[in-house]
Amino acid sequence: MIPTISPPGEAGCQGAANTKAALTTTNRKVLFIMAAQDASTIPLELPPNEAAAFSQFVKRVDYDTVGRLTARTVTYGGRTEHDTAWSALQMLRRELAEAGFAPR
């Protein structure tokens, strides 16, 4: 499947008439839930330029960088801070992409 990216105001944006996925890159047959179902909702409003720049920034933060910035001995629900923070970053990337701000 070829990834498709919709411009801001299209698929994945709140109130958009188009409900087609904004970005599809997975070819997985099984999806794994990385976070607990009792998720916290964090409302965030960003101007388009800030959202685009933030999308580029989070693209550049890799697994090793997260490891350098997290504590080795801290755990959350039995998971290391490193893995938990990486999971949160992946969720953030996905939400930015669904809002039309996929990194190039």
PDB file of N, CA and C in Angstrom:
ATOM      1  N   MET A   1       0.845  -1.174   0.000  1.00  0.00           N
ATOM      2  CA  MET A   1       0.000   0.000   0.000  1.00  0.00           C
ATOM      3  C   MET A   1       0.897   1.246   0.000  1.00  0.00           C
ATOM      4  N   ILE A   2       0.563   2.222  -0.793  1.00  0.00           N
ATOM      5  CA  ILE A   2       1.326   3.461  -0.891  1.00  0.00           C
ATOM      6  C   ILE A   2       0.815   4.452   0.142  1.00  0.00           C
ATOM      7  N   PRO A   3       1.730   5.057   0.946  1.00  0.00           N
ATOM      8  CA  PRO A   3       1.274   6.042   1.928  1.00  0.00           C
ATOM      9  C   PRO A   3       0.604   7.227   1.246  1.00  0.00           C
ATOM     10  N   THR A   4      -0.467   7.718   1.844  1.00  0.00           N
ATOM     11  CA  THR A   4      -1.141   8.905   1.335  1.00  0.00           C
ATOM     12  C   THR A   4      -1.202   9.943   2.443  1.00  0.00           C
ATOM     13  N   ILE A   5      -0.933  11.166   2.097  1.00  0.00           N
ATOM     14  CA  ILE A   5      -0.940  12.246   3.075  1.00  0.00           C
ATOM     15  C   ILE A   5      -1.942  13.289   2.620  1.00  0.00           C
ATOM     16  N   SER A   6      -2.852  13.617   3.491  1.00  0.00           N
ATOM     17  CA  SER A   6      -3.846  14.641   3.195  1.00  0.00           C
ATOM     18  C   SER A   6      -3.397  15.970   3.776  1.00  0.00           C
ATOM     19  N   PRO A   7      -3.708  17.073   3.107  1.00  0.00           N
ATOM     20  CA  PRO A   7      -3.336  18.384   3.644  1.00  0.00           C
ATOM     21  C   PRO A   7      -4.132  18.713   4.897  1.00  0.00           C
ATOM     22  N   PRO A   8      -3.642  19.673   5.696  1.00  0.00           N
ATOM     23  CA  PRO A   8      -4.393  20.083   6.886  1.00  0.00           C
ATOM     24  C   PRO A   8      -5.821  20.464   6.503  1.00  0.00           C
ATOM     25  N   GLY A   9      -6.769  20.113   7.363  1.00  0.00           N
ATOM     26  CA  GLY A   9      -8.167  20.417   7.091  1.00  0.00           C
ATOM     27  C   GLY A   9      -8.882  19.283   6.382  1.00  0.00           C
ATOM     28  N   GLU A  10      -8.148  18.210   6.099  1.00  0.00           N
ATOM     29  CA  GLU A  10      -8.729  17.069   5.414  1.00  0.00           C
ATOM     30  C   GLU A  10      -8.854  15.893   6.364  1.00  0.00           C
ATOM     31  N   ALA A  11      -8.599  14.716   5.856  1.00  0.00           N
ATOM     32  CA  ALA A  11      -8.797  13.487   6.619  1.00  0.00           C
ATOM     33  C   ALA A  11      -8.061  13.521   7.938  1.00  0.00           C
ATOM     34  N   GLY A  12      -8.700  13.006   8.960  1.00  0.00           N
ATOM     35  CA  GLY A  12      -8.084  12.913  10.267  1.00  0.00           C
ATOM     36  C   GLY A  12      -8.247  14.163  11.112  1.00  0.00           C
ATOM     37  N   CYS A  13      -8.670  15.269  10.529  1.00  0.00           N
ATOM     38  CA  CYS A  13      -8.848  16.504  11.296  1.00  0.00           C
ATOM     39  C   CYS A  13     -10.259  16.533  11.867  1.00  0.00           C
ATOM     40  N   GLN A  14     -10.371  17.077  13.048  1.00  0.00           N
ATOM     41  CA  GLN A  14     -11.666  17.169  13.699  1.00  0.00           C
ATOM     42  C   GLN A  14     -12.625  17.977  12.838  1.00  0.00           C
ATOM     43  N   GLY A  15     -13.791  17.413  12.603  1.00  0.00           N
ATOM     44  CA  GLY A  15     -14.816  18.103  11.825  1.00  0.00           C
ATOM     45  C   GLY A  15     -14.668  17.950  10.327  1.00  0.00           C
ATOM     46  N   ALA A  16     -13.655  17.218   9.858  1.00  0.00           N
ATOM     47  CA  ALA A  16     -13.464  17.050   8.420  1.00  0.00           C
ATOM     48  C   ALA A  16     -14.549  16.132   7.869  1.00  0.00           C
ATOM     49  N   ALA A  17     -15.022  16.438   6.686  1.00  0.00           N
ATOM     50  CA  ALA A  17     -16.051  15.626   6.060  1.00  0.00           C
ATOM     51  C   ALA A  17     -15.466  14.320   5.526  1.00  0.00           C
ATOM     52  N   ASN A  18     -14.198  14.336   5.180  1.00  0.00           N
ATOM     53  CA  ASN A  18     -13.515  13.162   4.649  1.00  0.00           C
ATOM     54  C   ASN A  18     -13.046  12.295   5.807  1.00  0.00           C
ATOM     55  N   THR A  19     -13.503  11.048   5.887  1.00  0.00           N
ATOM     56  CA  THR A  19     -13.107  10.185   7.004  1.00  0.00           C
ATOM     57  C   THR A  19     -12.045   9.170   6.600  1.00  0.00           C
ATOM     58  N   LYS A  20     -11.533   9.246   5.374  1.00  0.00           N
ATOM     59  CA  LYS A  20     -10.469   8.345   4.931  1.00  0.00           C
ATOM     60  C   LYS A  20      -9.213   8.624   5.754  1.00  0.00           C
ATOM     61  N   ALA A  21      -8.447   7.595   6.060  1.00  0.00           N
ATOM     62  CA  ALA A  21      -7.238   7.756   6.874  1.00  0.00           C
ATOM     63  C   ALA A  21      -6.281   8.743   6.224  1.00  0.00           C
ATOM     64  N   ALA A  22      -5.666   9.594   7.035  1.00  0.00           N
ATOM     65  CA  ALA A  22      -4.752  10.611   6.529  1.00  0.00           C
ATOM     66  C   ALA A  22      -3.414  10.018   6.124  1.00  0.00           C
ATOM     67  N   LEU A  23      -2.946   8.992   6.803  1.00  0.00           N
ATOM     68  CA  LEU A  23      -1.656   8.395   6.486  1.00  0.00           C
ATOM     69  C   LEU A  23      -1.744   6.910   6.777  1.00  0.00           C
ATOM     70  N   THR A  24      -1.394   6.108   5.799  1.00  0.00           N
ATOM     71  CA  THR A  24      -1.398   4.665   5.988  1.00  0.00           C
ATOM     72  C   THR A  24      -0.058   4.121   5.543  1.00  0.00           C
ATOM     73  N   THR A  25       0.701   3.567   6.477  1.00  0.00           N
ATOM     74  CA  THR A  25       1.985   2.992   6.126  1.00  0.00           C
ATOM     75  C   THR A  25       2.162   1.594   6.683  1.00  0.00           C
ATOM     76  N   THR A  26       1.228   1.105   7.445  1.00  0.00           N
ATOM     77  CA  THR A  26       1.396  -0.195   8.070  1.00  0.00           C
ATOM     78  C   THR A  26       1.010  -1.320   7.123  1.00  0.00           C
ATOM     79  N   ASN A  27       1.720  -2.413   7.249  1.00  0.00           N
ATOM     80  CA  ASN A  27       1.352  -3.607   6.510  1.00  0.00           C
ATOM     81  C   ASN A  27       1.182  -4.767   7.489  1.00  0.00           C
ATOM     82  N   ARG A  28       1.019  -4.437   8.751  1.00  0.00           N
ATOM     83  CA  ARG A  28       0.852  -5.438   9.793  1.00  0.00           C
ATOM     84  C   ARG A  28      -0.491  -6.123   9.683  1.00  0.00           C
ATOM     85  N   LYS A  29      -0.499  -7.389   9.995  1.00  0.00           N
ATOM     86  CA  LYS A  29      -1.746  -8.140  10.042  1.00  0.00           C
ATOM     87  C   LYS A  29      -2.326  -8.111  11.454  1.00  0.00           C
ATOM     88  N   VAL A  30      -1.469  -7.910  12.468  1.00  0.00           N
ATOM     89  CA  VAL A  30      -1.891  -7.875  13.857  1.00  0.00           C
ATOM     90  C   VAL A  30      -1.398  -6.573  14.466  1.00  0.00           C
ATOM     91  N   LEU A  31      -2.270  -5.850  15.136  1.00  0.00           N
ATOM     92  CA  LEU A  31      -1.885  -4.623  15.804  1.00  0.00           C
ATOM     93  C   LEU A  31      -1.767  -4.886  17.299  1.00  0.00           C
ATOM     94  N   PHE A  32      -0.769  -4.311  17.916  1.00  0.00           N
ATOM     95  CA  PHE A  32      -0.554  -4.448  19.342  1.00  0.00           C
ATOM     96  C   PHE A  32      -0.857  -3.130  20.015  1.00  0.00           C
ATOM     97  N   ILE A  33      -1.609  -3.169  21.101  1.00  0.00           N
ATOM     98  CA  ILE A  33      -1.897  -1.967  21.866  1.00  0.00           C
ATOM     99  C   ILE A  33      -0.730  -1.740  22.798  1.00  0.00           C
ATOM    100  N   MET A  34      -0.070  -0.597  22.648  1.00  0.00           N
ATOM    101  CA  MET A  34       1.128  -0.319  23.423  1.00  0.00           C
ATOM    102  C   MET A  34       0.802   0.354  24.743  1.00  0.00           C
ATOM    103  N   ALA A  35      -0.321   0.975  24.850  1.00  0.00           N
ATOM    104  CA  ALA A  35      -0.665   1.698  26.079  1.00  0.00           C
ATOM    105  C   ALA A  35      -1.919   1.100  26.693  1.00  0.00           C
ATOM    106  N   ALA A  36      -2.106   1.397  27.948  1.00  0.00           N
ATOM    107  CA  ALA A  36      -3.301   0.935  28.647  1.00  0.00           C
ATOM    108  C   ALA A  36      -4.528   1.618  28.052  1.00  0.00           C
ATOM    109  N   GLN A  37      -5.665   0.964  28.157  1.00  0.00           N
ATOM    110  CA  GLN A  37      -6.894   1.509  27.601  1.00  0.00           C
ATOM    111  C   GLN A  37      -7.389   2.735  28.354  1.00  0.00           C
ATOM    112  N   ASP A  38      -6.962   2.924  29.585  1.00  0.00           N
ATOM    113  CA  ASP A  38      -7.388   4.097  30.351  1.00  0.00           C
ATOM    114  C   ASP A  38      -6.456   5.271  30.028  1.00  0.00           C
ATOM    115  N   ALA A  39      -6.520   5.725  28.792  1.00  0.00           N
ATOM    116  CA  ALA A  39      -5.625   6.766  28.293  1.00  0.00           C
ATOM    117  C   ALA A  39      -6.041   8.151  28.776  1.00  0.00           C
ATOM    118  N   SER A  40      -5.068   9.025  28.877  1.00  0.00           N
ATOM    119  CA  SER A  40      -5.313  10.426  29.217  1.00  0.00           C
ATOM    120  C   SER A  40      -5.446  11.220  27.929  1.00  0.00           C
ATOM    121  N   THR A  41      -6.447  12.058  27.844  1.00  0.00           N
ATOM    122  CA  THR A  41      -6.621  12.933  26.693  1.00  0.00           C
ATOM    123  C   THR A  41      -5.951  14.261  26.998  1.00  0.00           C
ATOM    124  N   ILE A  42      -5.100  14.693  26.083  1.00  0.00           N
ATOM    125  CA  ILE A  42      -4.372  15.947  26.265  1.00  0.00           C
ATOM    126  C   ILE A  42      -4.714  16.853  25.084  1.00  0.00           C
ATOM    127  N   PRO A  43      -5.662  17.779  25.262  1.00  0.00           N
ATOM    128  CA  PRO A  43      -6.004  18.675  24.156  1.00  0.00           C
ATOM    129  C   PRO A  43      -4.849  19.629  23.865  1.00  0.00           C
ATOM    130  N   LEU A  44      -4.551  19.777  22.595  1.00  0.00           N
ATOM    131  CA  LEU A  44      -3.440  20.627  22.180  1.00  0.00           C
ATOM    132  C   LEU A  44      -3.812  21.306  20.873  1.00  0.00           C
ATOM    133  N   GLU A  45      -3.719  22.617  20.863  1.00  0.00           N
ATOM    134  CA  GLU A  45      -3.976  23.369  19.641  1.00  0.00           C
ATOM    135  C   GLU A  45      -2.679  24.044  19.229  1.00  0.00           C
ATOM    136  N   LEU A  46      -2.242  23.767  17.996  1.00  0.00           N
ATOM    137  CA  LEU A  46      -1.024  24.362  17.460  1.00  0.00           C
ATOM    138  C   LEU A  46      -1.333  25.067  16.146  1.00  0.00           C
ATOM    139  N   PRO A  47      -0.724  26.222  15.922  1.00  0.00           N
ATOM    140  CA  PRO A  47      -0.831  26.831  14.599  1.00  0.00           C
ATOM    141  C   PRO A  47      -0.179  25.901  13.565  1.00  0.00           C
ATOM    142  N   PRO A  48      -0.594  25.973  12.306  1.00  0.00           N
ATOM    143  CA  PRO A  48      -0.080  25.058  11.279  1.00  0.00           C
ATOM    144  C   PRO A  48       1.451  25.011  11.180  1.00  0.00           C
ATOM    145  N   ASN A  49       2.115  26.150  11.253  1.00  0.00           N
ATOM    146  CA  ASN A  49       3.577  26.141  11.131  1.00  0.00           C
ATOM    147  C   ASN A  49       4.239  25.413  12.302  1.00  0.00           C
ATOM    148  N   GLU A  50       3.732  25.625  13.507  1.00  0.00           N
ATOM    149  CA  GLU A  50       4.286  24.957  14.675  1.00  0.00           C
ATOM    150  C   GLU A  50       4.029  23.453  14.605  1.00  0.00           C
ATOM    151  N   ALA A  51       2.842  23.072  14.151  1.00  0.00           N
ATOM    152  CA  ALA A  51       2.528  21.649  14.027  1.00  0.00           C
ATOM    153  C   ALA A  51       3.433  20.976  12.992  1.00  0.00           C
ATOM    154  N   ALA A  52       3.667  21.648  11.873  1.00  0.00           N
ATOM    155  CA  ALA A  52       4.555  21.090  10.841  1.00  0.00           C
ATOM    156  C   ALA A  52       5.980  20.961  11.366  1.00  0.00           C
ATOM    157  N   ALA A  53       6.475  21.992  12.042  1.00  0.00           N
ATOM    158  CA  ALA A  53       7.837  21.952  12.589  1.00  0.00           C
ATOM    159  C   ALA A  53       7.953  20.889  13.678  1.00  0.00           C
ATOM    160  N   PHE A  54       6.926  20.768  14.522  1.00  0.00           N
ATOM    161  CA  PHE A  54       6.946  19.769  15.585  1.00  0.00           C
ATOM    162  C   PHE A  54       6.932  18.361  14.997  1.00  0.00           C
ATOM    163  N   SER A  55       6.190  18.171  13.926  1.00  0.00           N
ATOM    164  CA  SER A  55       6.160  16.886  13.244  1.00  0.00           C
ATOM    165  C   SER A  55       7.555  16.503  12.754  1.00  0.00           C
ATOM    166  N   GLN A  56       8.269  17.470  12.190  1.00  0.00           N
ATOM    167  CA  GLN A  56       9.648  17.216  11.740  1.00  0.00           C
ATOM    168  C   GLN A  56      10.562  16.895  12.918  1.00  0.00           C
ATOM    169  N   PHE A  57      10.370  17.605  14.020  1.00  0.00           N
ATOM    170  CA  PHE A  57      11.199  17.383  15.206  1.00  0.00           C
ATOM    171  C   PHE A  57      11.021  15.971  15.760  1.00  0.00           C
ATOM    172  N   VAL A  58       9.756  15.553  15.950  1.00  0.00           N
ATOM    173  CA  VAL A  58       9.535  14.228  16.531  1.00  0.00           C
ATOM    174  C   VAL A  58       9.995  13.127  15.588  1.00  0.00           C
ATOM    175  N   LYS A  59      10.034  13.415  14.281  1.00  0.00           N
ATOM    176  CA  LYS A  59      10.556  12.440  13.330  1.00  0.00           C
ATOM    177  C   LYS A  59      12.037  12.175  13.610  1.00  0.00           C
ATOM    178  N   ARG A  60      12.748  13.186  14.043  1.00  0.00           N
ATOM    179  CA  ARG A  60      14.200  13.074  14.239  1.00  0.00           C
ATOM    180  C   ARG A  60      14.592  12.458  15.579  1.00  0.00           C
ATOM    181  N   VAL A  61      13.641  12.326  16.487  1.00  0.00           N
ATOM    182  CA  VAL A  61      13.934  11.710  17.783  1.00  0.00           C
ATOM    183  C   VAL A  61      13.810  10.199  17.603  1.00  0.00           C
ATOM    184  N   ASP A  62      14.936   9.497  17.696  1.00  0.00           N
ATOM    185  CA  ASP A  62      14.909   8.050  17.498  1.00  0.00           C
ATOM    186  C   ASP A  62      14.929   7.300  18.830  1.00  0.00           C
ATOM    187  N   TYR A  63      14.840   5.990  18.750  1.00  0.00           N
ATOM    188  CA  TYR A  63      14.764   5.130  19.933  1.00  0.00           C
ATOM    189  C   TYR A  63      15.977   5.336  20.850  1.00  0.00           C
ATOM    190  N   ASP A  64      17.158   5.448  20.269  1.00  0.00           N
ATOM    191  CA  ASP A  64      18.368   5.645  21.075  1.00  0.00           C
ATOM    192  C   ASP A  64      18.367   6.997  21.792  1.00  0.00           C
ATOM    193  N   THR A  65      17.866   8.030  21.137  1.00  0.00           N
ATOM    194  CA  THR A  65      17.782   9.349  21.767  1.00  0.00           C
ATOM    195  C   THR A  65      16.845   9.301  22.970  1.00  0.00           C
ATOM    196  N   VAL A  66      15.714   8.641  22.809  1.00  0.00           N
ATOM    197  CA  VAL A  66      14.785   8.490  23.928  1.00  0.00           C
ATOM    198  C   VAL A  66      15.482   7.759  25.076  1.00  0.00           C
ATOM    199  N   GLY A  67      16.258   6.740  24.750  1.00  0.00           N
ATOM    200  CA  GLY A  67      16.986   5.992  25.772  1.00  0.00           C
ATOM    201  C   GLY A  67      17.987   6.848  26.534  1.00  0.00           C
ATOM    202  N   ARG A  68      18.638   7.753  25.823  1.00  0.00           N
ATOM    203  CA  ARG A  68      19.612   8.640  26.483  1.00  0.00           C
ATOM    204  C   ARG A  68      18.937   9.644  27.408  1.00  0.00           C
ATOM    205  N   LEU A  69      17.693   9.975  27.144  1.00  0.00           N
ATOM    206  CA  LEU A  69      17.001  11.011  27.907  1.00  0.00           C
ATOM    207  C   LEU A  69      16.067  10.464  28.989  1.00  0.00           C
ATOM    208  N   THR A  70      15.986   9.154  29.134  1.00  0.00           N
ATOM    209  CA  THR A  70      15.106   8.557  30.130  1.00  0.00           C
ATOM    210  C   THR A  70      15.906   7.807  31.185  1.00  0.00           C
ATOM    211  N   ALA A  71      15.261   7.595  32.331  1.00  0.00           N
ATOM    212  CA  ALA A  71      15.910   6.891  33.439  1.00  0.00           C
ATOM    213  C   ALA A  71      15.877   5.383  33.198  1.00  0.00           C
ATOM    214  N   ARG A  72      16.968   4.728  33.497  1.00  0.00           N
ATOM    215  CA  ARG A  72      17.064   3.275  33.283  1.00  0.00           C
ATOM    216  C   ARG A  72      16.298   2.476  34.322  1.00  0.00           C
ATOM    217  N   THR A  73      16.158   3.015  35.526  1.00  0.00           N
ATOM    218  CA  THR A  73      15.565   2.239  36.619  1.00  0.00           C
ATOM    219  C   THR A  73      14.089   2.550  36.870  1.00  0.00           C
ATOM    220  N   VAL A  74      13.531   3.516  36.174  1.00  0.00           N
ATOM    221  CA  VAL A  74      12.128   3.899  36.377  1.00  0.00           C
ATOM    222  C   VAL A  74      11.231   3.042  35.492  1.00  0.00           C
ATOM    223  N   THR A  75      10.124   2.569  36.064  1.00  0.00           N
ATOM    224  CA  THR A  75       9.162   1.785  35.282  1.00  0.00           C
ATOM    225  C   THR A  75       7.766   2.377  35.437  1.00  0.00           C
ATOM    226  N   TYR A  76       6.934   2.108  34.447  1.00  0.00           N
ATOM    227  CA  TYR A  76       5.528   2.515  34.438  1.00  0.00           C
ATOM    228  C   TYR A  76       4.715   1.288  34.074  1.00  0.00           C
ATOM    229  N   GLY A  77       3.953   0.780  35.013  1.00  0.00           N
ATOM    230  CA  GLY A  77       3.135  -0.395  34.753  1.00  0.00           C
ATOM    231  C   GLY A  77       3.949  -1.602  34.317  1.00  0.00           C
ATOM    232  N   GLY A  78       5.161  -1.727  34.842  1.00  0.00           N
ATOM    233  CA  GLY A  78       6.014  -2.856  34.490  1.00  0.00           C
ATOM    234  C   GLY A  78       6.858  -2.646  33.251  1.00  0.00           C
ATOM    235  N   ARG A  79       6.690  -1.512  32.601  1.00  0.00           N
ATOM    236  CA  ARG A  79       7.473  -1.196  31.396  1.00  0.00           C
ATOM    237  C   ARG A  79       8.523  -0.141  31.739  1.00  0.00           C
ATOM    238  N   THR A  80       9.673  -0.220  31.114  1.00  0.00           N
ATOM    239  CA  THR A  80      10.725   0.758  31.373  1.00  0.00           C
ATOM    240  C   THR A  80      10.282   2.135  30.906  1.00  0.00           C
ATOM    241  N   GLU A  81      10.868   3.157  31.519  1.00  0.00           N
ATOM    242  CA  GLU A  81      10.565   4.522  31.095  1.00  0.00           C
ATOM    243  C   GLU A  81      10.932   4.710  29.624  1.00  0.00           C
ATOM    244  N   HIS A  82      12.013   4.095  29.198  1.00  0.00           N
ATOM    245  CA  HIS A  82      12.462   4.176  27.810  1.00  0.00           C
ATOM    246  C   HIS A  82      11.362   3.673  26.871  1.00  0.00           C
ATOM    247  N   ASP A  83      10.869   2.461  27.101  1.00  0.00           N
ATOM    248  CA  ASP A  83       9.839   1.900  26.226  1.00  0.00           C
ATOM    249  C   ASP A  83       8.525   2.666  26.320  1.00  0.00           C
ATOM    250  N   THR A  84       8.191   3.126  27.517  1.00  0.00           N
ATOM    251  CA  THR A  84       6.948   3.876  27.696  1.00  0.00           C
ATOM    252  C   THR A  84       7.019   5.223  26.973  1.00  0.00           C
ATOM    253  N   ALA A  85       8.143   5.912  27.093  1.00  0.00           N
ATOM    254  CA  ALA A  85       8.316   7.201  26.407  1.00  0.00           C
ATOM    255  C   ALA A  85       8.336   7.000  24.889  1.00  0.00           C
ATOM    256  N   TRP A  86       8.988   5.938  24.425  1.00  0.00           N
ATOM    257  CA  TRP A  86       9.021   5.653  22.981  1.00  0.00           C
ATOM    258  C   TRP A  86       7.605   5.394  22.467  1.00  0.00           C
ATOM    259  N   SER A  87       6.818   4.658  23.229  1.00  0.00           N
ATOM    260  CA  SER A  87       5.432   4.387  22.865  1.00  0.00           C
ATOM    261  C   SER A  87       4.642   5.692  22.760  1.00  0.00           C
ATOM    262  N   ALA A  88       4.830   6.586  23.724  1.00  0.00           N
ATOM    263  CA  ALA A  88       4.132   7.879  23.707  1.00  0.00           C
ATOM    264  C   ALA A  88       4.546   8.703  22.490  1.00  0.00           C
ATOM    265  N   LEU A  89       5.825   8.663  22.139  1.00  0.00           N
ATOM    266  CA  LEU A  89       6.306   9.409  20.973  1.00  0.00           C
ATOM    267  C   LEU A  89       5.680   8.857  19.696  1.00  0.00           C
ATOM    268  N   GLN A  90       5.550   7.542  19.594  1.00  0.00           N
ATOM    269  CA  GLN A  90       4.915   6.941  18.419  1.00  0.00           C
ATOM    270  C   GLN A  90       3.445   7.351  18.315  1.00  0.00           C
ATOM    271  N   MET A  91       2.770   7.420  19.455  1.00  0.00           N
ATOM    272  CA  MET A  91       1.372   7.859  19.464  1.00  0.00           C
ATOM    273  C   MET A  91       1.268   9.315  19.017  1.00  0.00           C
ATOM    274  N   LEU A  92       2.190  10.146  19.470  1.00  0.00           N
ATOM    275  CA  LEU A  92       2.216  11.549  19.077  1.00  0.00           C
ATOM    276  C   LEU A  92       2.443  11.674  17.575  1.00  0.00           C
ATOM    277  N   ARG A  93       3.387  10.924  17.040  1.00  0.00           N
ATOM    278  CA  ARG A  93       3.641  10.941  15.593  1.00  0.00           C
ATOM    279  C   ARG A  93       2.383  10.557  14.818  1.00  0.00           C
ATOM    280  N   ARG A  94       1.712   9.501  15.285  1.00  0.00           N
ATOM    281  CA  ARG A  94       0.509   9.046  14.601  1.00  0.00           C
ATOM    282  C   ARG A  94      -0.588  10.112  14.624  1.00  0.00           C
ATOM    283  N   GLU A  95      -0.780  10.754  15.765  1.00  0.00           N
ATOM    284  CA  GLU A  95      -1.805  11.797  15.867  1.00  0.00           C
ATOM    285  C   GLU A  95      -1.469  13.001  14.984  1.00  0.00           C
ATOM    286  N   LEU A  96      -0.210  13.387  14.930  1.00  0.00           N
ATOM    287  CA  LEU A  96       0.187  14.480  14.037  1.00  0.00           C
ATOM    288  C   LEU A  96      -0.093  14.103  12.584  1.00  0.00           C
ATOM    289  N   ALA A  97       0.226  12.881  12.210  1.00  0.00           N
ATOM    290  CA  ALA A  97      -0.019  12.431  10.839  1.00  0.00           C
ATOM    291  C   ALA A  97      -1.514  12.408  10.527  1.00  0.00           C
ATOM    292  N   GLU A  98      -2.321  11.936  11.479  1.00  0.00           N
ATOM    293  CA  GLU A  98      -3.766  11.899  11.260  1.00  0.00           C
ATOM    294  C   GLU A  98      -4.358  13.294  11.134  1.00  0.00           C
ATOM    295  N   ALA A  99      -3.703  14.273  11.732  1.00  0.00           N
ATOM    296  CA  ALA A  99      -4.159  15.664  11.621  1.00  0.00           C
ATOM    297  C   ALA A  99      -3.628  16.332  10.352  1.00  0.00           C
ATOM    298  N   GLY A 100      -2.880  15.564   9.546  1.00  0.00           N
ATOM    299  CA  GLY A 100      -2.361  16.106   8.289  1.00  0.00           C
ATOM    300  C   GLY A 100      -0.961  16.659   8.388  1.00  0.00           C
ATOM    301  N   PHE A 101      -0.270  16.386   9.474  1.00  0.00           N
ATOM    302  CA  PHE A 101       1.083  16.892   9.656  1.00  0.00           C
ATOM    303  C   PHE A 101       2.078  15.737   9.733  1.00  0.00           C
ATOM    304  N   ALA A 102       2.145  14.975   8.661  1.00  0.00           N
ATOM    305  CA  ALA A 102       3.088  13.863   8.585  1.00  0.00           C
ATOM    306  C   ALA A 102       4.449  14.414   8.181  1.00  0.00           C
ATOM    307  N   PRO A 103       5.510  13.918   8.817  1.00  0.00           N
ATOM    308  CA  PRO A 103       6.842  14.396   8.424  1.00  0.00           C
ATOM    309  C   PRO A 103       7.176  13.991   6.996  1.00  0.00           C
ATOM    310  N   ARG A 104       8.005  14.796   6.336  1.00  0.00           N
ATOM    311  CA  ARG A 104       8.383  14.466   4.964  1.00  0.00           C
ATOM    312  C   ARG A 104       9.496  13.475   4.965  1.00  0.00           C
TER     313      ARG A 104
END
